[in-house]
Amino acid sequence: MKNLKSYRLAMACCVLLFFSSCAGVLYLGDTLPATSSVKVYYDAKDVKQSYKVIGHLAQAISGTPNMDDVKEKVIEKAKSIGADGVIFLQITAKPGSSNDAETINADAIKFDQ
């Protein structure tokens, strides 16, 4: 009986961890004052002014997500960390997972003044 309770508790923790990790955008980089708008690019060569990459964003997705919602989450995170733009880089499959578990990667950029 004790093992069953421990198993259920462990499973509940795993489920909560899974859903909480999918909800937020991961960010590694510098944090600057928040911005009110972010320009969106899909290739670095499309950015016509000079900039520097201030960090890297990643959004885990699974199943059949609404890609507009995923994009909006990344943009909102970019605003909160002070980016002027995001360059969406790629969609990659997670190692050891099925094709419906992926990560959206993007660079957060700050335009040179």
N, C-alpha and C. Protein backbone atom coordinates (compact mmCIF):
# COMPACT_ATOMS: atom_id res chain seq x y z
N MET A 1 0.81 -1.19 0.00
CA MET A 1 0.00 0.00 0.00
C MET A 1 0.87 1.26 0.00
N LYS A 2 1.92 1.23 0.81
CA LYS A 2 2.81 2.39 0.88
C LYS A 2 3.50 2.62 -0.46
N ASN A 3 3.90 1.53 -1.16
CA ASN A 3 4.53 1.66 -2.46
C ASN A 3 3.58 2.25 -3.49
N LEU A 4 2.32 1.89 -3.42
CA LEU A 4 1.32 2.42 -4.35
C LEU A 4 1.14 3.92 -4.15
N LYS A 5 1.09 4.37 -2.89
CA LYS A 5 0.97 5.81 -2.61
C LYS A 5 2.21 6.55 -3.10
N SER A 6 3.38 5.99 -2.88
CA SER A 6 4.61 6.61 -3.35
C SER A 6 4.64 6.67 -4.87
N TYR A 7 4.19 5.61 -5.51
CA TYR A 7 4.15 5.57 -6.97
C TYR A 7 3.21 6.64 -7.51
N ARG A 8 2.03 6.74 -6.91
CA ARG A 8 1.06 7.76 -7.36
C ARG A 8 1.60 9.17 -7.16
N LEU A 9 2.24 9.41 -6.04
CA LEU A 9 2.83 10.71 -5.77
C LEU A 9 3.92 11.03 -6.78
N ALA A 10 4.77 10.06 -7.07
CA ALA A 10 5.84 10.26 -8.05
C ALA A 10 5.28 10.54 -9.44
N MET A 11 4.24 9.80 -9.82
CA MET A 11 3.62 10.02 -11.13
C MET A 11 2.98 11.41 -11.21
N ALA A 12 2.30 11.82 -10.14
CA ALA A 12 1.68 13.14 -10.12
C ALA A 12 2.74 14.24 -10.26
N CYS A 13 3.86 14.07 -9.58
CA CYS A 13 4.96 15.04 -9.68
C CYS A 13 5.52 15.09 -11.10
N CYS A 14 5.68 13.93 -11.72
CA CYS A 14 6.19 13.88 -13.10
C CYS A 14 5.24 14.58 -14.06
N VAL A 15 3.95 14.34 -13.91
CA VAL A 15 2.96 14.98 -14.79
C VAL A 15 2.99 16.49 -14.60
N LEU A 16 3.02 16.95 -13.35
CA LEU A 16 3.08 18.40 -13.10
C LEU A 16 4.36 19.01 -13.65
N LEU A 17 5.47 18.33 -13.48
CA LEU A 17 6.74 18.82 -14.02
C LEU A 17 6.69 18.90 -15.53
N PHE A 18 6.12 17.88 -16.17
CA PHE A 18 6.02 17.88 -17.63
C PHE A 18 5.20 19.06 -18.11
N PHE A 19 4.03 19.28 -17.53
CA PHE A 19 3.17 20.37 -18.00
C PHE A 19 3.74 21.74 -17.66
N SER A 20 4.40 21.86 -16.53
CA SER A 20 4.99 23.16 -16.20
C SER A 20 6.18 23.47 -17.09
N SER A 21 6.93 22.45 -17.51
CA SER A 21 8.08 22.71 -18.37
C SER A 21 7.66 23.07 -19.78
N CYS A 22 6.50 22.59 -20.22
CA CYS A 22 6.02 22.91 -21.56
C CYS A 22 5.39 24.29 -21.62
N ALA A 23 5.00 24.83 -20.49
CA ALA A 23 4.23 26.07 -20.48
C ALA A 23 5.10 27.30 -20.75
N GLY A 24 6.31 27.32 -20.22
CA GLY A 24 7.12 28.53 -20.29
C GLY A 24 8.19 28.48 -21.35
N VAL A 25 8.63 29.66 -21.73
CA VAL A 25 9.73 29.80 -22.68
C VAL A 25 11.02 29.83 -21.89
N LEU A 26 11.94 28.95 -22.23
CA LEU A 26 13.26 28.96 -21.58
C LEU A 26 14.10 30.06 -22.19
N TYR A 27 14.91 30.73 -21.36
CA TYR A 27 15.74 31.82 -21.85
C TYR A 27 17.10 31.76 -21.19
N LEU A 28 18.13 31.92 -22.00
CA LEU A 28 19.50 32.01 -21.51
C LEU A 28 20.12 33.23 -22.15
N GLY A 29 20.47 34.22 -21.34
CA GLY A 29 21.09 35.41 -21.90
C GLY A 29 20.95 36.60 -20.98
N ASP A 30 21.22 37.77 -21.53
CA ASP A 30 21.13 39.02 -20.79
C ASP A 30 19.68 39.47 -20.68
N THR A 31 19.37 40.15 -19.58
CA THR A 31 18.05 40.73 -19.41
C THR A 31 18.19 42.24 -19.33
N LEU A 32 17.45 42.93 -20.18
CA LEU A 32 17.47 44.38 -20.28
C LEU A 32 16.09 44.90 -19.92
N PRO A 33 15.91 46.23 -19.85
CA PRO A 33 14.56 46.74 -19.60
C PRO A 33 13.58 46.26 -20.68
N ALA A 34 12.37 45.95 -20.27
CA ALA A 34 11.35 45.40 -21.18
C ALA A 34 11.08 46.35 -22.34
N THR A 35 10.70 45.75 -23.46
CA THR A 35 10.33 46.53 -24.65
C THR A 35 8.84 46.32 -24.92
N SER A 36 8.27 47.23 -25.70
CA SER A 36 6.83 47.14 -25.97
C SER A 36 6.51 46.46 -27.30
N SER A 37 7.52 46.34 -28.16
CA SER A 37 7.29 45.65 -29.43
C SER A 37 8.55 44.90 -29.84
N VAL A 38 8.34 43.83 -30.58
CA VAL A 38 9.42 42.98 -31.04
C VAL A 38 9.20 42.67 -32.51
N LYS A 39 10.24 42.86 -33.31
CA LYS A 39 10.15 42.50 -34.72
C LYS A 39 10.49 41.02 -34.86
N VAL A 40 9.83 40.36 -35.82
CA VAL A 40 9.99 38.92 -36.00
C VAL A 40 10.69 38.65 -37.33
N TYR A 41 11.70 37.78 -37.26
CA TYR A 41 12.45 37.38 -38.45
C TYR A 41 12.56 35.85 -38.45
N TYR A 42 12.76 35.31 -39.65
CA TYR A 42 12.92 33.86 -39.78
C TYR A 42 14.29 33.50 -40.35
N ASP A 43 15.10 34.52 -40.61
CA ASP A 43 16.47 34.30 -41.08
C ASP A 43 17.28 35.54 -40.73
N ALA A 44 18.49 35.34 -40.25
CA ALA A 44 19.33 36.46 -39.84
C ALA A 44 19.61 37.43 -40.98
N LYS A 45 19.68 36.94 -42.20
CA LYS A 45 19.97 37.83 -43.32
C LYS A 45 18.82 38.79 -43.62
N ASP A 46 17.65 38.54 -43.06
CA ASP A 46 16.52 39.45 -43.25
C ASP A 46 16.58 40.68 -42.35
N VAL A 47 17.43 40.65 -41.33
CA VAL A 47 17.59 41.79 -40.43
C VAL A 47 18.48 42.81 -41.12
N LYS A 48 17.94 43.97 -41.43
CA LYS A 48 18.65 44.96 -42.25
C LYS A 48 19.44 45.98 -41.45
N GLN A 49 19.36 45.96 -40.14
CA GLN A 49 20.17 46.87 -39.34
C GLN A 49 21.08 46.06 -38.43
N SER A 50 22.12 46.71 -37.93
CA SER A 50 23.08 45.97 -37.11
C SER A 50 22.47 45.67 -35.73
N TYR A 51 22.87 44.54 -35.18
CA TYR A 51 22.31 44.07 -33.91
C TYR A 51 23.30 43.15 -33.24
N LYS A 52 22.99 42.83 -31.99
CA LYS A 52 23.73 41.77 -31.30
C LYS A 52 22.72 40.81 -30.70
N VAL A 53 23.12 39.56 -30.61
CA VAL A 53 22.30 38.53 -29.97
C VAL A 53 22.49 38.69 -28.47
N ILE A 54 21.39 38.89 -27.75
CA ILE A 54 21.48 39.04 -26.30
C ILE A 54 21.13 37.74 -25.56
N GLY A 55 20.58 36.77 -26.30
CA GLY A 55 20.25 35.51 -25.65
C GLY A 55 19.55 34.54 -26.58
N HIS A 56 19.26 33.37 -26.03
CA HIS A 56 18.65 32.29 -26.79
C HIS A 56 17.35 31.86 -26.11
N LEU A 57 16.31 31.67 -26.91
CA LEU A 57 14.99 31.29 -26.43
C LEU A 57 14.66 29.88 -26.92
N ALA A 58 13.93 29.13 -26.11
CA ALA A 58 13.48 27.80 -26.52
C ALA A 58 12.09 27.56 -25.94
N GLN A 59 11.20 27.06 -26.77
CA GLN A 59 9.83 26.73 -26.34
C GLN A 59 9.56 25.28 -26.69
N ALA A 60 9.36 24.45 -25.67
CA ALA A 60 9.02 23.05 -25.90
C ALA A 60 7.56 22.95 -26.30
N ILE A 61 7.29 22.11 -27.28
CA ILE A 61 5.91 21.88 -27.72
C ILE A 61 5.70 20.39 -27.91
N SER A 62 4.46 19.96 -27.84
CA SER A 62 4.15 18.56 -28.11
C SER A 62 2.75 18.47 -28.68
N GLY A 63 2.46 17.35 -29.28
CA GLY A 63 1.15 17.17 -29.88
C GLY A 63 1.01 18.01 -31.13
N THR A 64 -0.16 18.59 -31.31
CA THR A 64 -0.43 19.46 -32.44
C THR A 64 -0.75 20.85 -31.91
N PRO A 65 0.27 21.64 -31.60
CA PRO A 65 0.04 22.95 -30.99
C PRO A 65 -0.42 23.97 -32.03
N ASN A 66 -1.04 25.02 -31.54
CA ASN A 66 -1.35 26.17 -32.37
C ASN A 66 -0.05 26.97 -32.49
N MET A 67 0.56 26.96 -33.66
CA MET A 67 1.88 27.59 -33.83
C MET A 67 1.81 29.10 -33.62
N ASP A 68 0.67 29.73 -33.88
CA ASP A 68 0.54 31.16 -33.60
C ASP A 68 0.65 31.43 -32.10
N ASP A 69 0.08 30.53 -31.29
CA ASP A 69 0.19 30.68 -29.83
C ASP A 69 1.63 30.49 -29.37
N VAL A 70 2.32 29.51 -29.94
CA VAL A 70 3.73 29.26 -29.60
C VAL A 70 4.56 30.49 -29.95
N LYS A 71 4.36 31.01 -31.15
CA LYS A 71 5.07 32.20 -31.61
C LYS A 71 4.82 33.38 -30.67
N GLU A 72 3.57 33.56 -30.26
CA GLU A 72 3.22 34.67 -29.37
C GLU A 72 3.89 34.53 -28.01
N LYS A 73 4.01 33.31 -27.49
CA LYS A 73 4.70 33.09 -26.21
C LYS A 73 6.17 33.51 -26.31
N VAL A 74 6.80 33.15 -27.41
CA VAL A 74 8.21 33.52 -27.61
C VAL A 74 8.34 35.04 -27.71
N ILE A 75 7.45 35.68 -28.45
CA ILE A 75 7.49 37.15 -28.61
C ILE A 75 7.28 37.83 -27.26
N GLU A 76 6.32 37.36 -26.47
CA GLU A 76 6.07 37.96 -25.16
C GLU A 76 7.29 37.82 -24.25
N LYS A 77 7.94 36.67 -24.30
CA LYS A 77 9.16 36.48 -23.49
C LYS A 77 10.25 37.43 -23.98
N ALA A 78 10.37 37.59 -25.30
CA ALA A 78 11.38 38.49 -25.86
C ALA A 78 11.14 39.93 -25.40
N LYS A 79 9.89 40.36 -25.37
CA LYS A 79 9.57 41.70 -24.86
C LYS A 79 10.00 41.84 -23.41
N SER A 80 9.71 40.82 -22.60
CA SER A 80 9.99 40.89 -21.17
C SER A 80 11.48 40.95 -20.85
N ILE A 81 12.33 40.43 -21.75
CA ILE A 81 13.77 40.45 -21.48
C ILE A 81 14.47 41.60 -22.21
N GLY A 82 13.69 42.45 -22.90
CA GLY A 82 14.24 43.66 -23.50
C GLY A 82 14.74 43.51 -24.92
N ALA A 83 14.31 42.49 -25.63
CA ALA A 83 14.74 42.30 -27.02
C ALA A 83 13.99 43.25 -27.95
N ASP A 84 14.66 43.66 -29.03
CA ASP A 84 14.01 44.44 -30.08
C ASP A 84 13.47 43.53 -31.17
N GLY A 85 13.98 42.30 -31.23
CA GLY A 85 13.55 41.36 -32.25
C GLY A 85 13.87 39.94 -31.86
N VAL A 86 13.25 39.01 -32.57
CA VAL A 86 13.57 37.60 -32.43
C VAL A 86 13.79 37.02 -33.82
N ILE A 87 14.76 36.15 -33.90
CA ILE A 87 15.01 35.41 -35.14
C ILE A 87 14.67 33.95 -34.84
N PHE A 88 13.56 33.47 -35.42
CA PHE A 88 13.20 32.08 -35.24
C PHE A 88 14.17 31.24 -36.06
N LEU A 89 14.80 30.27 -35.42
CA LEU A 89 15.88 29.52 -36.04
C LEU A 89 15.45 28.17 -36.58
N GLN A 90 14.84 27.36 -35.74
CA GLN A 90 14.54 25.99 -36.16
C GLN A 90 13.55 25.33 -35.22
N ILE A 91 13.00 24.24 -35.70
CA ILE A 91 12.18 23.35 -34.90
C ILE A 91 12.96 22.04 -34.85
N THR A 92 13.26 21.57 -33.65
CA THR A 92 14.03 20.34 -33.52
C THR A 92 13.28 19.31 -32.69
N ALA A 93 13.44 18.05 -33.05
CA ALA A 93 12.85 16.97 -32.28
C ALA A 93 13.70 16.74 -31.04
N LYS A 94 13.06 16.44 -29.93
CA LYS A 94 13.78 16.11 -28.71
C LYS A 94 14.39 14.73 -28.85
N PRO A 95 15.63 14.55 -28.43
CA PRO A 95 16.25 13.22 -28.52
C PRO A 95 15.45 12.19 -27.74
N GLY A 96 15.22 11.05 -28.36
CA GLY A 96 14.52 9.96 -27.70
C GLY A 96 13.02 10.11 -27.62
N SER A 97 12.46 11.09 -28.35
CA SER A 97 11.01 11.28 -28.29
C SER A 97 10.39 11.02 -29.65
N SER A 98 9.09 10.99 -29.66
CA SER A 98 8.39 10.81 -30.93
C SER A 98 8.44 12.11 -31.73
N ASN A 99 8.00 12.08 -32.96
CA ASN A 99 8.05 13.26 -33.82
C ASN A 99 7.13 14.38 -33.36
N ASP A 100 6.20 14.09 -32.44
CA ASP A 100 5.30 15.15 -32.02
C ASP A 100 5.79 15.90 -30.78
N ALA A 101 7.03 15.69 -30.35
CA ALA A 101 7.62 16.44 -29.24
C ALA A 101 8.82 17.20 -29.79
N GLU A 102 8.70 18.52 -29.79
CA GLU A 102 9.70 19.35 -30.45
C GLU A 102 10.02 20.59 -29.63
N THR A 103 11.05 21.30 -30.08
CA THR A 103 11.43 22.57 -29.47
C THR A 103 11.58 23.61 -30.56
N ILE A 104 11.02 24.79 -30.33
CA ILE A 104 11.20 25.94 -31.20
C ILE A 104 12.36 26.75 -30.62
N ASN A 105 13.37 27.04 -31.42
CA ASN A 105 14.52 27.82 -30.97
C ASN A 105 14.54 29.18 -31.66
N ALA A 106 14.95 30.20 -30.92
CA ALA A 106 15.03 31.55 -31.47
C ALA A 106 16.15 32.31 -30.78
N ASP A 107 16.68 33.31 -31.48
CA ASP A 107 17.65 34.23 -30.89
C ASP A 107 16.93 35.53 -30.54
N ALA A 108 17.22 36.06 -29.37
CA ALA A 108 16.73 37.39 -28.97
C ALA A 108 17.80 38.38 -29.39
N ILE A 109 17.38 39.44 -30.09
CA ILE A 109 18.35 40.42 -30.57
C ILE A 109 18.04 41.83 -30.07
N LYS A 110 19.09 42.63 -29.98
CA LYS A 110 18.98 44.05 -29.62
C LYS A 110 19.65 44.84 -30.71
N PHE A 111 18.93 45.79 -31.29
CA PHE A 111 19.49 46.61 -32.37
C PHE A 111 20.54 47.56 -31.80
N ASP A 112 21.62 47.78 -32.58
CA ASP A 112 22.64 48.75 -32.21
C ASP A 112 22.07 50.14 -32.38
N GLN A 113 22.41 51.02 -31.47
CA GLN A 113 21.86 52.39 -31.52
C GLN A 113 22.76 53.32 -32.27
